[in-house]
Amino acid sequence: VYSNFRNKDELCLVVLDRLYAERIAEIGRAFSGGTL
């Protein structure tokens, strides 16, 4: 773990990046195609 992440907070930030990217992608899909 420590050879890949400095500490728990850095690991947490990587997880948050994933969650945020998923969220943005899902909102993007909601607003693509079809009428407004």
Full PDB file with SEQRES, HELIX, SHEET, SSBOND, CRYST1, ORIGX, SCALE, CONECT and MASTER records, all heavy atoms in Angstrom:
SEQRES   1 A   36  VAL TYR SER ASN PHE ARG ASN LYS ASP GLU LEU CYS LEU          
SEQRES   2 A   36  VAL VAL LEU ASP ARG LEU TYR ALA GLU ARG ILE ALA GLU          
SEQRES   3 A   36  ILE GLY ARG ALA PHE SER GLY GLY THR LEU                      
HELIX    1 AA1 LYS A    8  ALA A   30  1                                  23    
CRYST1    1.000    1.000    1.000  90.00  90.00  90.00 P 1           1          
ORIGX1      1.000000  0.000000  0.000000        0.00000                         
ORIGX2      0.000000  1.000000  0.000000        0.00000                         
ORIGX3      0.000000  0.000000  1.000000        0.00000                         
SCALE1      1.000000  0.000000  0.000000        0.00000                         
SCALE2      0.000000  1.000000  0.000000        0.00000                         
SCALE3      0.000000  0.000000  1.000000        0.00000                         
ATOM      1  N   VAL A   1       0.849  -1.197   0.000  1.00  0.00           N  
ATOM      2  CA  VAL A   1       0.000   0.000   0.000  1.00  0.00           C  
ATOM      3  C   VAL A   1       0.882   1.243   0.000  1.00  0.00           C  
ATOM      4  O   VAL A   1       0.691   2.162  -0.798  1.00  0.00           O  
ATOM      5  CB  VAL A   1      -0.946   0.015   1.221  1.00  0.00           C  
ATOM      6  CG1 VAL A   1      -1.794   1.289   1.209  1.00  0.00           C  
ATOM      7  CG2 VAL A   1      -1.838  -1.218   1.237  1.00  0.00           C  
ATOM      8  N   TYR A   2       1.881   1.262   0.888  1.00  0.00           N  
ATOM      9  CA  TYR A   2       2.744   2.442   1.000  1.00  0.00           C  
ATOM     10  C   TYR A   2       3.663   2.625  -0.206  1.00  0.00           C  
ATOM     11  O   TYR A   2       4.148   3.726  -0.447  1.00  0.00           O  
ATOM     12  CB  TYR A   2       3.562   2.381   2.293  1.00  0.00           C  
ATOM     13  CG  TYR A   2       2.787   2.877   3.486  1.00  0.00           C  
ATOM     14  CD1 TYR A   2       2.368   1.995   4.478  1.00  0.00           C  
ATOM     15  CD2 TYR A   2       2.448   4.221   3.609  1.00  0.00           C  
ATOM     16  CE1 TYR A   2       1.651   2.445   5.577  1.00  0.00           C  
ATOM     17  CE2 TYR A   2       1.727   4.681   4.704  1.00  0.00           C  
ATOM     18  CZ  TYR A   2       1.335   3.788   5.682  1.00  0.00           C  
ATOM     19  OH  TYR A   2       0.609   4.247   6.759  1.00  0.00           O  
ATOM     20  N   SER A   3       3.890   1.576  -0.970  1.00  0.00           N  
ATOM     21  CA  SER A   3       4.704   1.751  -2.179  1.00  0.00           C  
ATOM     22  C   SER A   3       3.881   2.359  -3.309  1.00  0.00           C  
ATOM     23  O   SER A   3       4.426   2.795  -4.320  1.00  0.00           O  
ATOM     24  CB  SER A   3       5.313   0.419  -2.621  1.00  0.00           C  
ATOM     25  OG  SER A   3       4.309  -0.460  -3.098  1.00  0.00           O  
ATOM     26  N   ASN A   4       2.555   2.395  -3.143  1.00  0.00           N  
ATOM     27  CA  ASN A   4       1.676   2.973  -4.162  1.00  0.00           C  
ATOM     28  C   ASN A   4       1.010   4.277  -3.726  1.00  0.00           C  
ATOM     29  O   ASN A   4       0.637   5.089  -4.566  1.00  0.00           O  
ATOM     30  CB  ASN A   4       0.586   1.962  -4.536  1.00  0.00           C  
ATOM     31  CG  ASN A   4       1.094   0.866  -5.431  1.00  0.00           C  
ATOM     32  OD1 ASN A   4       1.187   1.040  -6.629  1.00  0.00           O  
ATOM     33  ND2 ASN A   4       1.454  -0.266  -4.834  1.00  0.00           N  
ATOM     34  N   PHE A   5       0.843   4.459  -2.411  1.00  0.00           N  
ATOM     35  CA  PHE A   5       0.167   5.646  -1.887  1.00  0.00           C  
ATOM     36  C   PHE A   5       0.923   6.155  -0.662  1.00  0.00           C  
ATOM     37  O   PHE A   5       1.311   5.359   0.185  1.00  0.00           O  
ATOM     38  CB  PHE A   5      -1.281   5.312  -1.495  1.00  0.00           C  
ATOM     39  CG  PHE A   5      -2.087   4.703  -2.612  1.00  0.00           C  
ATOM     40  CD1 PHE A   5      -2.243   3.325  -2.685  1.00  0.00           C  
ATOM     41  CD2 PHE A   5      -2.656   5.492  -3.589  1.00  0.00           C  
ATOM     42  CE1 PHE A   5      -2.965   2.745  -3.714  1.00  0.00           C  
ATOM     43  CE2 PHE A   5      -3.388   4.930  -4.626  1.00  0.00           C  
ATOM     44  CZ  PHE A   5      -3.544   3.555  -4.696  1.00  0.00           C  
ATOM     45  N   ARG A   6       1.092   7.473  -0.578  1.00  0.00           N  
ATOM     46  CA  ARG A   6       1.825   8.048   0.557  1.00  0.00           C  
ATOM     47  C   ARG A   6       1.127   7.788   1.881  1.00  0.00           C  
ATOM     48  O   ARG A   6       1.764   7.565   2.900  1.00  0.00           O  
ATOM     49  CB  ARG A   6       1.989   9.564   0.381  1.00  0.00           C  
ATOM     50  CG  ARG A   6       3.054   9.996  -0.599  1.00  0.00           C  
ATOM     51  CD  ARG A   6       3.156  11.507  -0.666  1.00  0.00           C  
ATOM     52  NE  ARG A   6       1.878  12.113  -1.043  1.00  0.00           N  
ATOM     53  CZ  ARG A   6       1.326  13.150  -0.443  1.00  0.00           C  
ATOM     54  NH1 ARG A   6       1.908  13.712   0.597  1.00  0.00           N  
ATOM     55  NH2 ARG A   6       0.169  13.629  -0.858  1.00  0.00           N  
ATOM     56  N   ASN A   7      -0.203   7.851   1.847  1.00  0.00           N  
ATOM     57  CA  ASN A   7      -0.970   7.692   3.077  1.00  0.00           C  
ATOM     58  C   ASN A   7      -2.439   7.432   2.735  1.00  0.00           C  
ATOM     59  O   ASN A   7      -2.811   7.360   1.555  1.00  0.00           O  
ATOM     60  CB  ASN A   7      -0.832   8.952   3.956  1.00  0.00           C  
ATOM     61  CG  ASN A   7      -1.150  10.225   3.188  1.00  0.00           C  
ATOM     62  OD1 ASN A   7      -2.080  10.270   2.380  1.00  0.00           O  
ATOM     63  ND2 ASN A   7      -0.364  11.268   3.430  1.00  0.00           N  
ATOM     64  N   LYS A   8      -3.241   7.296   3.746  1.00  0.00           N  
ATOM     65  CA  LYS A   8      -4.667   7.006   3.558  1.00  0.00           C  
ATOM     66  C   LYS A   8      -5.377   8.125   2.791  1.00  0.00           C  
ATOM     67  O   LYS A   8      -6.254   7.859   1.957  1.00  0.00           O  
ATOM     68  CB  LYS A   8      -5.313   6.789   4.926  1.00  0.00           C  
ATOM     69  CG  LYS A   8      -6.799   6.495   4.915  1.00  0.00           C  
ATOM     70  CD  LYS A   8      -7.254   6.183   6.328  1.00  0.00           C  
ATOM     71  CE  LYS A   8      -8.725   6.311   6.537  1.00  0.00           C  
ATOM     72  NZ  LYS A   8      -9.140   6.028   7.923  1.00  0.00           N  
ATOM     73  N   ASP A   9      -5.001   9.368   3.056  1.00  0.00           N  
ATOM     74  CA  ASP A   9      -5.664  10.483   2.381  1.00  0.00           C  
ATOM     75  C   ASP A   9      -5.404  10.463   0.875  1.00  0.00           C  
ATOM     76  O   ASP A   9      -6.303  10.755   0.084  1.00  0.00           O  
ATOM     77  CB  ASP A   9      -5.213  11.815   2.976  1.00  0.00           C  
ATOM     78  CG  ASP A   9      -5.767  12.033   4.380  1.00  0.00           C  
ATOM     79  OD1 ASP A   9      -6.773  11.381   4.726  1.00  0.00           O  
ATOM     80  OD2 ASP A   9      -5.196  12.850   5.123  1.00  0.00           O  
ATOM     81  N   GLU A  10      -4.188  10.121   0.481  1.00  0.00           N  
ATOM     82  CA  GLU A  10      -3.899  10.046  -0.953  1.00  0.00           C  
ATOM     83  C   GLU A  10      -4.724   8.937  -1.606  1.00  0.00           C  
ATOM     84  O   GLU A  10      -5.275   9.124  -2.698  1.00  0.00           O  
ATOM     85  CB  GLU A  10      -2.410   9.799  -1.204  1.00  0.00           C  
ATOM     86  CG  GLU A  10      -2.081   9.778  -2.693  1.00  0.00           C  
ATOM     87  CD  GLU A  10      -0.627   9.495  -2.998  1.00  0.00           C  
ATOM     88  OE1 GLU A  10       0.160   9.214  -2.065  1.00  0.00           O  
ATOM     89  OE2 GLU A  10      -0.272   9.534  -4.184  1.00  0.00           O  
ATOM     90  N   LEU A  11      -4.815   7.791  -0.943  1.00  0.00           N  
ATOM     91  CA  LEU A  11      -5.641   6.701  -1.454  1.00  0.00           C  
ATOM     92  C   LEU A  11      -7.101   7.140  -1.551  1.00  0.00           C  
ATOM     93  O   LEU A  11      -7.788   6.855  -2.535  1.00  0.00           O  
ATOM     94  CB  LEU A  11      -5.506   5.481  -0.539  1.00  0.00           C  
ATOM     95  CG  LEU A  11      -6.358   4.248  -0.859  1.00  0.00           C  
ATOM     96  CD1 LEU A  11      -6.167   3.793  -2.294  1.00  0.00           C  
ATOM     97  CD2 LEU A  11      -6.031   3.125   0.123  1.00  0.00           C  
ATOM     98  N   CYS A  12      -7.551   7.860  -0.554  1.00  0.00           N  
ATOM     99  CA  CYS A  12      -8.923   8.365  -0.546  1.00  0.00           C  
ATOM    100  C   CYS A  12      -9.172   9.312  -1.719  1.00  0.00           C  
ATOM    101  O   CYS A  12     -10.212   9.257  -2.371  1.00  0.00           O  
ATOM    102  CB  CYS A  12      -9.198   9.067   0.774  1.00  0.00           C  
ATOM    103  SG  CYS A  12     -10.903   9.579   0.972  1.00  0.00           S  
ATOM    104  N   LEU A  13      -8.208  10.169  -2.013  1.00  0.00           N  
ATOM    105  CA  LEU A  13      -8.353  11.103  -3.134  1.00  0.00           C  
ATOM    106  C   LEU A  13      -8.463  10.359  -4.464  1.00  0.00           C  
ATOM    107  O   LEU A  13      -9.232  10.761  -5.347  1.00  0.00           O  
ATOM    108  CB  LEU A  13      -7.170  12.078  -3.168  1.00  0.00           C  
ATOM    109  CG  LEU A  13      -7.160  13.136  -2.066  1.00  0.00           C  
ATOM    110  CD1 LEU A  13      -5.813  13.864  -2.034  1.00  0.00           C  
ATOM    111  CD2 LEU A  13      -8.303  14.136  -2.232  1.00  0.00           C  
ATOM    112  N   VAL A  14      -7.705   9.289  -4.612  1.00  0.00           N  
ATOM    113  CA  VAL A  14      -7.776   8.485  -5.840  1.00  0.00           C  
ATOM    114  C   VAL A  14      -9.175   7.868  -5.973  1.00  0.00           C  
ATOM    115  O   VAL A  14      -9.763   7.857  -7.060  1.00  0.00           O  
ATOM    116  CB  VAL A  14      -6.677   7.401  -5.849  1.00  0.00           C  
ATOM    117  CG1 VAL A  14      -6.867   6.438  -7.023  1.00  0.00           C  
ATOM    118  CG2 VAL A  14      -5.296   8.048  -5.932  1.00  0.00           C  
ATOM    119  N   VAL A  15      -9.712   7.381  -4.856  1.00  0.00           N  
ATOM    120  CA  VAL A  15     -11.072   6.830  -4.874  1.00  0.00           C  
ATOM    121  C   VAL A  15     -12.082   7.929  -5.213  1.00  0.00           C  
ATOM    122  O   VAL A  15     -12.987   7.726  -6.031  1.00  0.00           O  
ATOM    123  CB  VAL A  15     -11.418   6.161  -3.523  1.00  0.00           C  
ATOM    124  CG1 VAL A  15     -12.902   5.804  -3.446  1.00  0.00           C  
ATOM    125  CG2 VAL A  15     -10.558   4.912  -3.319  1.00  0.00           C  
ATOM    126  N   LEU A  16     -11.929   9.096  -4.615  1.00  0.00           N  
ATOM    127  CA  LEU A  16     -12.841  10.208  -4.931  1.00  0.00           C  
ATOM    128  C   LEU A  16     -12.776  10.583  -6.403  1.00  0.00           C  
ATOM    129  O   LEU A  16     -13.807  10.867  -7.021  1.00  0.00           O  
ATOM    130  CB  LEU A  16     -12.504  11.430  -4.071  1.00  0.00           C  
ATOM    131  CG  LEU A  16     -13.029  11.440  -2.646  1.00  0.00           C  
ATOM    132  CD1 LEU A  16     -12.553  12.685  -1.925  1.00  0.00           C  
ATOM    133  CD2 LEU A  16     -14.553  11.365  -2.614  1.00  0.00           C  
ATOM    134  N   ASP A  17     -11.562  10.588  -6.977  1.00  0.00           N  
ATOM    135  CA  ASP A  17     -11.427  10.896  -8.403  1.00  0.00           C  
ATOM    136  C   ASP A  17     -12.267   9.934  -9.245  1.00  0.00           C  
ATOM    137  O   ASP A  17     -12.929  10.340 -10.197  1.00  0.00           O  
ATOM    138  CB  ASP A  17      -9.960  10.811  -8.837  1.00  0.00           C  
ATOM    139  CG  ASP A  17      -9.130  11.981  -8.334  1.00  0.00           C  
ATOM    140  OD1 ASP A  17      -9.714  13.021  -7.951  1.00  0.00           O  
ATOM    141  OD2 ASP A  17      -7.886  11.862  -8.316  1.00  0.00           O  
ATOM    142  N   ARG A  18     -12.227   8.677  -8.882  1.00  0.00           N  
ATOM    143  CA  ARG A  18     -13.025   7.672  -9.596  1.00  0.00           C  
ATOM    144  C   ARG A  18     -14.521   7.959  -9.458  1.00  0.00           C  
ATOM    145  O   ARG A  18     -15.270   7.922 -10.432  1.00  0.00           O  
ATOM    146  CB  ARG A  18     -12.766   6.285  -9.014  1.00  0.00           C  
ATOM    147  CG  ARG A  18     -11.586   5.559  -9.553  1.00  0.00           C  
ATOM    148  CD  ARG A  18     -11.625   4.154  -8.990  1.00  0.00           C  
ATOM    149  NE  ARG A  18     -10.602   3.316  -9.548  1.00  0.00           N  
ATOM    150  CZ  ARG A  18     -10.532   2.026  -9.307  1.00  0.00           C  
ATOM    151  NH1 ARG A  18     -11.412   1.457  -8.511  1.00  0.00           N  
ATOM    152  NH2 ARG A  18      -9.573   1.302  -9.849  1.00  0.00           N  
ATOM    153  N   LEU A  19     -14.949   8.223  -8.221  1.00  0.00           N  
ATOM    154  CA  LEU A  19     -16.368   8.463  -7.978  1.00  0.00           C  
ATOM    155  C   LEU A  19     -16.851   9.712  -8.709  1.00  0.00           C  
ATOM    156  O   LEU A  19     -17.944   9.730  -9.282  1.00  0.00           O  
ATOM    157  CB  LEU A  19     -16.637   8.582  -6.479  1.00  0.00           C  
ATOM    158  CG  LEU A  19     -16.391   7.314  -5.646  1.00  0.00           C  
ATOM    159  CD1 LEU A  19     -16.598   7.606  -4.166  1.00  0.00           C  
ATOM    160  CD2 LEU A  19     -17.290   6.171  -6.099  1.00  0.00           C  
ATOM    161  N   TYR A  20     -16.031  10.772  -8.694  1.00  0.00           N  
ATOM    162  CA  TYR A  20     -16.401  12.003  -9.394  1.00  0.00           C  
ATOM    163  C   TYR A  20     -16.489  11.766 -10.900  1.00  0.00           C  
ATOM    164  O   TYR A  20     -17.399  12.259 -11.570  1.00  0.00           O  
ATOM    165  CB  TYR A  20     -15.395  13.118  -9.103  1.00  0.00           C  
ATOM    166  CG  TYR A  20     -15.383  13.631  -7.683  1.00  0.00           C  
ATOM    167  CD1 TYR A  20     -14.337  14.423  -7.233  1.00  0.00           C  
ATOM    168  CD2 TYR A  20     -16.393  13.339  -6.783  1.00  0.00           C  
ATOM    169  CE1 TYR A  20     -14.304  14.910  -5.923  1.00  0.00           C  
ATOM    170  CE2 TYR A  20     -16.365  13.812  -5.473  1.00  0.00           C  
ATOM    171  CZ  TYR A  20     -15.318  14.592  -5.055  1.00  0.00           C  
ATOM    172  OH  TYR A  20     -15.287  15.066  -3.772  1.00  0.00           O  
ATOM    173  N   ALA A  21     -15.523  11.026 -11.447  1.00  0.00           N  
ATOM    174  CA  ALA A  21     -15.528  10.748 -12.884  1.00  0.00           C  
ATOM    175  C   ALA A  21     -16.772   9.956 -13.276  1.00  0.00           C  
ATOM    176  O   ALA A  21     -17.403  10.242 -14.303  1.00  0.00           O  
ATOM    177  CB  ALA A  21     -14.259   9.990 -13.277  1.00  0.00           C  
ATOM    178  N   GLU A  22     -17.142   8.982 -12.446  1.00  0.00           N  
ATOM    179  CA  GLU A  22     -18.359   8.209 -12.710  1.00  0.00           C  
ATOM    180  C   GLU A  22     -19.584   9.115 -12.709  1.00  0.00           C  
ATOM    181  O   GLU A  22     -20.460   9.013 -13.565  1.00  0.00           O  
ATOM    182  CB  GLU A  22     -18.555   7.132 -11.632  1.00  0.00           C  
ATOM    183  CG  GLU A  22     -17.617   5.957 -11.718  1.00  0.00           C  
ATOM    184  CD  GLU A  22     -17.756   5.026 -10.516  1.00  0.00           C  
ATOM    185  OE1 GLU A  22     -18.742   5.175  -9.738  1.00  0.00           O  
ATOM    186  OE2 GLU A  22     -16.882   4.167 -10.342  1.00  0.00           O  
ATOM    187  N   ARG A  23     -19.638  10.004 -11.726  1.00  0.00           N  
ATOM    188  CA  ARG A  23     -20.791  10.893 -11.582  1.00  0.00           C  
ATOM    189  C   ARG A  23     -20.932  11.829 -12.784  1.00  0.00           C  
ATOM    190  O   ARG A  23     -22.020  12.003 -13.329  1.00  0.00           O  
ATOM    191  CB  ARG A  23     -20.627  11.710 -10.292  1.00  0.00           C  
ATOM    192  CG  ARG A  23     -21.899  11.864  -9.522  1.00  0.00           C  
ATOM    193  CD  ARG A  23     -21.644  12.432  -8.159  1.00  0.00           C  
ATOM    194  NE  ARG A  23     -21.305  11.394  -7.202  1.00  0.00           N  
ATOM    195  CZ  ARG A  23     -20.903  11.630  -5.969  1.00  0.00           C  
ATOM    196  NH1 ARG A  23     -20.785  12.852  -5.534  1.00  0.00           N  
ATOM    197  NH2 ARG A  23     -20.618  10.639  -5.154  1.00  0.00           N  
ATOM    198  N   ILE A  24     -19.808  12.425 -13.181  1.00  0.00           N  
ATOM    199  CA  ILE A  24     -19.836  13.333 -14.335  1.00  0.00           C  
ATOM    200  C   ILE A  24     -20.251  12.579 -15.593  1.00  0.00           C  
ATOM    201  O   ILE A  24     -21.038  13.077 -16.407  1.00  0.00           O  
ATOM    202  CB  ILE A  24     -18.456  13.997 -14.524  1.00  0.00           C  
ATOM    203  CG1 ILE A  24     -18.170  14.981 -13.381  1.00  0.00           C  
ATOM    204  CG2 ILE A  24     -18.378  14.716 -15.866  1.00  0.00           C  
ATOM    205  CD1 ILE A  24     -19.138  16.136 -13.286  1.00  0.00           C  
ATOM    206  N   ALA A  25     -19.733  11.364 -15.766  1.00  0.00           N  
ATOM    207  CA  ALA A  25     -20.086  10.561 -16.940  1.00  0.00           C  
ATOM    208  C   ALA A  25     -21.580  10.244 -16.942  1.00  0.00           C  
ATOM    209  O   ALA A  25     -22.241  10.310 -17.991  1.00  0.00           O  
ATOM    210  CB  ALA A  25     -19.268   9.279 -16.968  1.00  0.00           C  
ATOM    211  N   GLU A  26     -22.145   9.921 -15.778  1.00  0.00           N  
ATOM    212  CA  GLU A  26     -23.569   9.594 -15.696  1.00  0.00           C  
ATOM    213  C   GLU A  26     -24.438  10.815 -15.988  1.00  0.00           C  
ATOM    214  O   GLU A  26     -25.458  10.710 -16.679  1.00  0.00           O  
ATOM    215  CB  GLU A  26     -23.898   9.010 -14.324  1.00  0.00           C  
ATOM    216  CG  GLU A  26     -23.357   7.607 -14.130  1.00  0.00           C  
ATOM    217  CD  GLU A  26     -23.565   7.071 -12.725  1.00  0.00           C  
ATOM    218  OE1 GLU A  26     -24.425   7.623 -12.005  1.00  0.00           O  
ATOM    219  OE2 GLU A  26     -22.873   6.116 -12.356  1.00  0.00           O  
ATOM    220  N   ILE A  27     -24.044  11.977 -15.478  1.00  0.00           N  
ATOM    221  CA  ILE A  27     -24.795  13.201 -15.768  1.00  0.00           C  
ATOM    222  C   ILE A  27     -24.688  13.518 -17.255  1.00  0.00           C  
ATOM    223  O   ILE A  27     -25.673  13.910 -17.898  1.00  0.00           O  
ATOM    224  CB  ILE A  27     -24.291  14.377 -14.908  1.00  0.00           C  
ATOM    225  CG1 ILE A  27     -24.578  14.111 -13.427  1.00  0.00           C  
ATOM    226  CG2 ILE A  27     -24.955  15.692 -15.337  1.00  0.00           C  
ATOM    227  CD1 ILE A  27     -23.939  15.109 -12.480  1.00  0.00           C  
ATOM    228  N   GLY A  28     -23.496  13.331 -17.822  1.00  0.00           N  
ATOM    229  CA  GLY A  28     -23.306  13.550 -19.252  1.00  0.00           C  
ATOM    230  C   GLY A  28     -24.202  12.650 -20.080  1.00  0.00           C  
ATOM    231  O   GLY A  28     -24.792  13.089 -21.080  1.00  0.00           O  
ATOM    232  N   ARG A  29     -24.328  11.383 -19.676  1.00  0.00           N  
ATOM    233  CA  ARG A  29     -25.209  10.460 -20.408  1.00  0.00           C  
ATOM    234  C   ARG A  29     -26.663  10.903 -20.301  1.00  0.00           C  
ATOM    235  O   ARG A  29     -27.430  10.794 -21.261  1.00  0.00           O  
ATOM    236  CB  ARG A  29     -25.038   9.040 -19.870  1.00  0.00           C  
ATOM    237  CG  ARG A  29     -23.811   8.324 -20.419  1.00  0.00           C  
ATOM    238  CD  ARG A  29     -23.827   6.836 -20.100  1.00  0.00           C  
ATOM    239  NE  ARG A  29     -23.604   6.578 -18.687  1.00  0.00           N  
ATOM    240  CZ  ARG A  29     -22.402   6.493 -18.128  1.00  0.00           C  
ATOM    241  NH1 ARG A  29     -21.320   6.665 -18.857  1.00  0.00           N  
ATOM    242  NH2 ARG A  29     -22.286   6.239 -16.831  1.00  0.00           N  
ATOM    243  N   ALA A  30     -27.057  11.396 -19.119  1.00  0.00           N  
ATOM    244  CA  ALA A  30     -28.440  11.844 -18.936  1.00  0.00           C  
ATOM    245  C   ALA A  30     -28.770  12.989 -19.887  1.00  0.00           C  
ATOM    246  O   ALA A  30     -29.892  13.082 -20.392  1.00  0.00           O  
ATOM    247  CB  ALA A  30     -28.670  12.278 -17.490  1.00  0.00           C  
ATOM    248  N   PHE A  31     -27.785  13.861 -20.137  1.00  0.00           N  
ATOM    249  CA  PHE A  31     -28.030  15.027 -20.982  1.00  0.00           C  
ATOM    250  C   PHE A  31     -27.542  14.833 -22.421  1.00  0.00           C  
ATOM    251  O   PHE A  31     -27.186  15.786 -23.097  1.00  0.00           O  
ATOM    252  CB  PHE A  31     -27.371  16.268 -20.361  1.00  0.00           C  
ATOM    253  CG  PHE A  31     -28.217  16.902 -19.298  1.00  0.00           C  
ATOM    254  CD1 PHE A  31     -27.950  16.677 -17.956  1.00  0.00           C  
ATOM    255  CD2 PHE A  31     -29.303  17.699 -19.626  1.00  0.00           C  
ATOM    256  CE1 PHE A  31     -28.733  17.249 -16.958  1.00  0.00           C  
ATOM    257  CE2 PHE A  31     -30.098  18.281 -18.651  1.00  0.00           C  
ATOM    258  CZ  PHE A  31     -29.807  18.052 -17.308  1.00  0.00           C  
ATOM    259  N   SER A  32     -27.552  13.579 -22.884  1.00  0.00           N  
ATOM    260  CA  SER A  32     -27.187  13.333 -24.281  1.00  0.00           C  
ATOM    261  C   SER A  32     -28.318  12.579 -24.961  1.00  0.00           C  
ATOM    262  O   SER A  32     -28.854  11.623 -24.419  1.00  0.00           O  
ATOM    263  CB  SER A  32     -25.883  12.527 -24.360  1.00  0.00           C  
ATOM    264  OG  SER A  32     -26.064  11.269 -23.771  1.00  0.00           O  
ATOM    265  N   GLY A  33     -28.710  13.036 -26.121  1.00  0.00           N  
ATOM    266  CA  GLY A  33     -29.749  12.362 -26.894  1.00  0.00           C  
ATOM    267  C   GLY A  33     -31.147  12.700 -26.431  1.00  0.00           C  
ATOM    268  O   GLY A  33     -31.391  12.948 -25.256  1.00  0.00           O  
ATOM    269  N   GLY A  34     -32.065  12.719 -27.380  1.00  0.00           N  
ATOM    270  CA  GLY A  34     -33.459  12.995 -27.069  1.00  0.00           C  
ATOM    271  C   GLY A  34     -33.737  14.487 -26.948  1.00  0.00           C  
ATOM    272  O   GLY A  34     -32.862  15.334 -27.141  1.00  0.00           O  
ATOM    273  N   THR A  35     -34.968  14.795 -26.603  1.00  0.00           N  
ATOM    274  CA  THR A  35     -35.364  16.177 -26.423  1.00  0.00           C  
ATOM    275  C   THR A  35     -34.797  16.712 -25.116  1.00  0.00           C  
ATOM    276  O   THR A  35     -34.317  15.944 -24.270  1.00  0.00           O  
ATOM    277  CB  THR A  35     -36.890  16.307 -26.379  1.00  0.00           C  
ATOM    278  OG1 THR A  35     -37.371  15.650 -25.192  1.00  0.00           O  
ATOM    279  CG2 THR A  35     -37.540  15.676 -27.614  1.00  0.00           C  
ATOM    280  N   LEU A  36     -34.895  18.009 -24.938  1.00  0.00           N  
ATOM    281  CA  LEU A  36     -34.432  18.591 -23.678  1.00  0.00           C  
ATOM    282  C   LEU A  36     -35.247  18.040 -22.511  1.00  0.00           C  
ATOM    283  O   LEU A  36     -34.709  17.762 -21.441  1.00  0.00           O  
ATOM    284  CB  LEU A  36     -34.526  20.121 -23.738  1.00  0.00           C  
ATOM    285  CG  LEU A  36     -33.925  20.884 -22.556  1.00  0.00           C  
ATOM    286  CD1 LEU A  36     -32.459  20.518 -22.345  1.00  0.00           C  
ATOM    287  CD2 LEU A  36     -34.080  22.387 -22.764  1.00  0.00           C  
TER     288      LEU A  36                                                      
MASTER        0    0    0    1    0    0    0    6  287    1    0    3          
END                                                                             
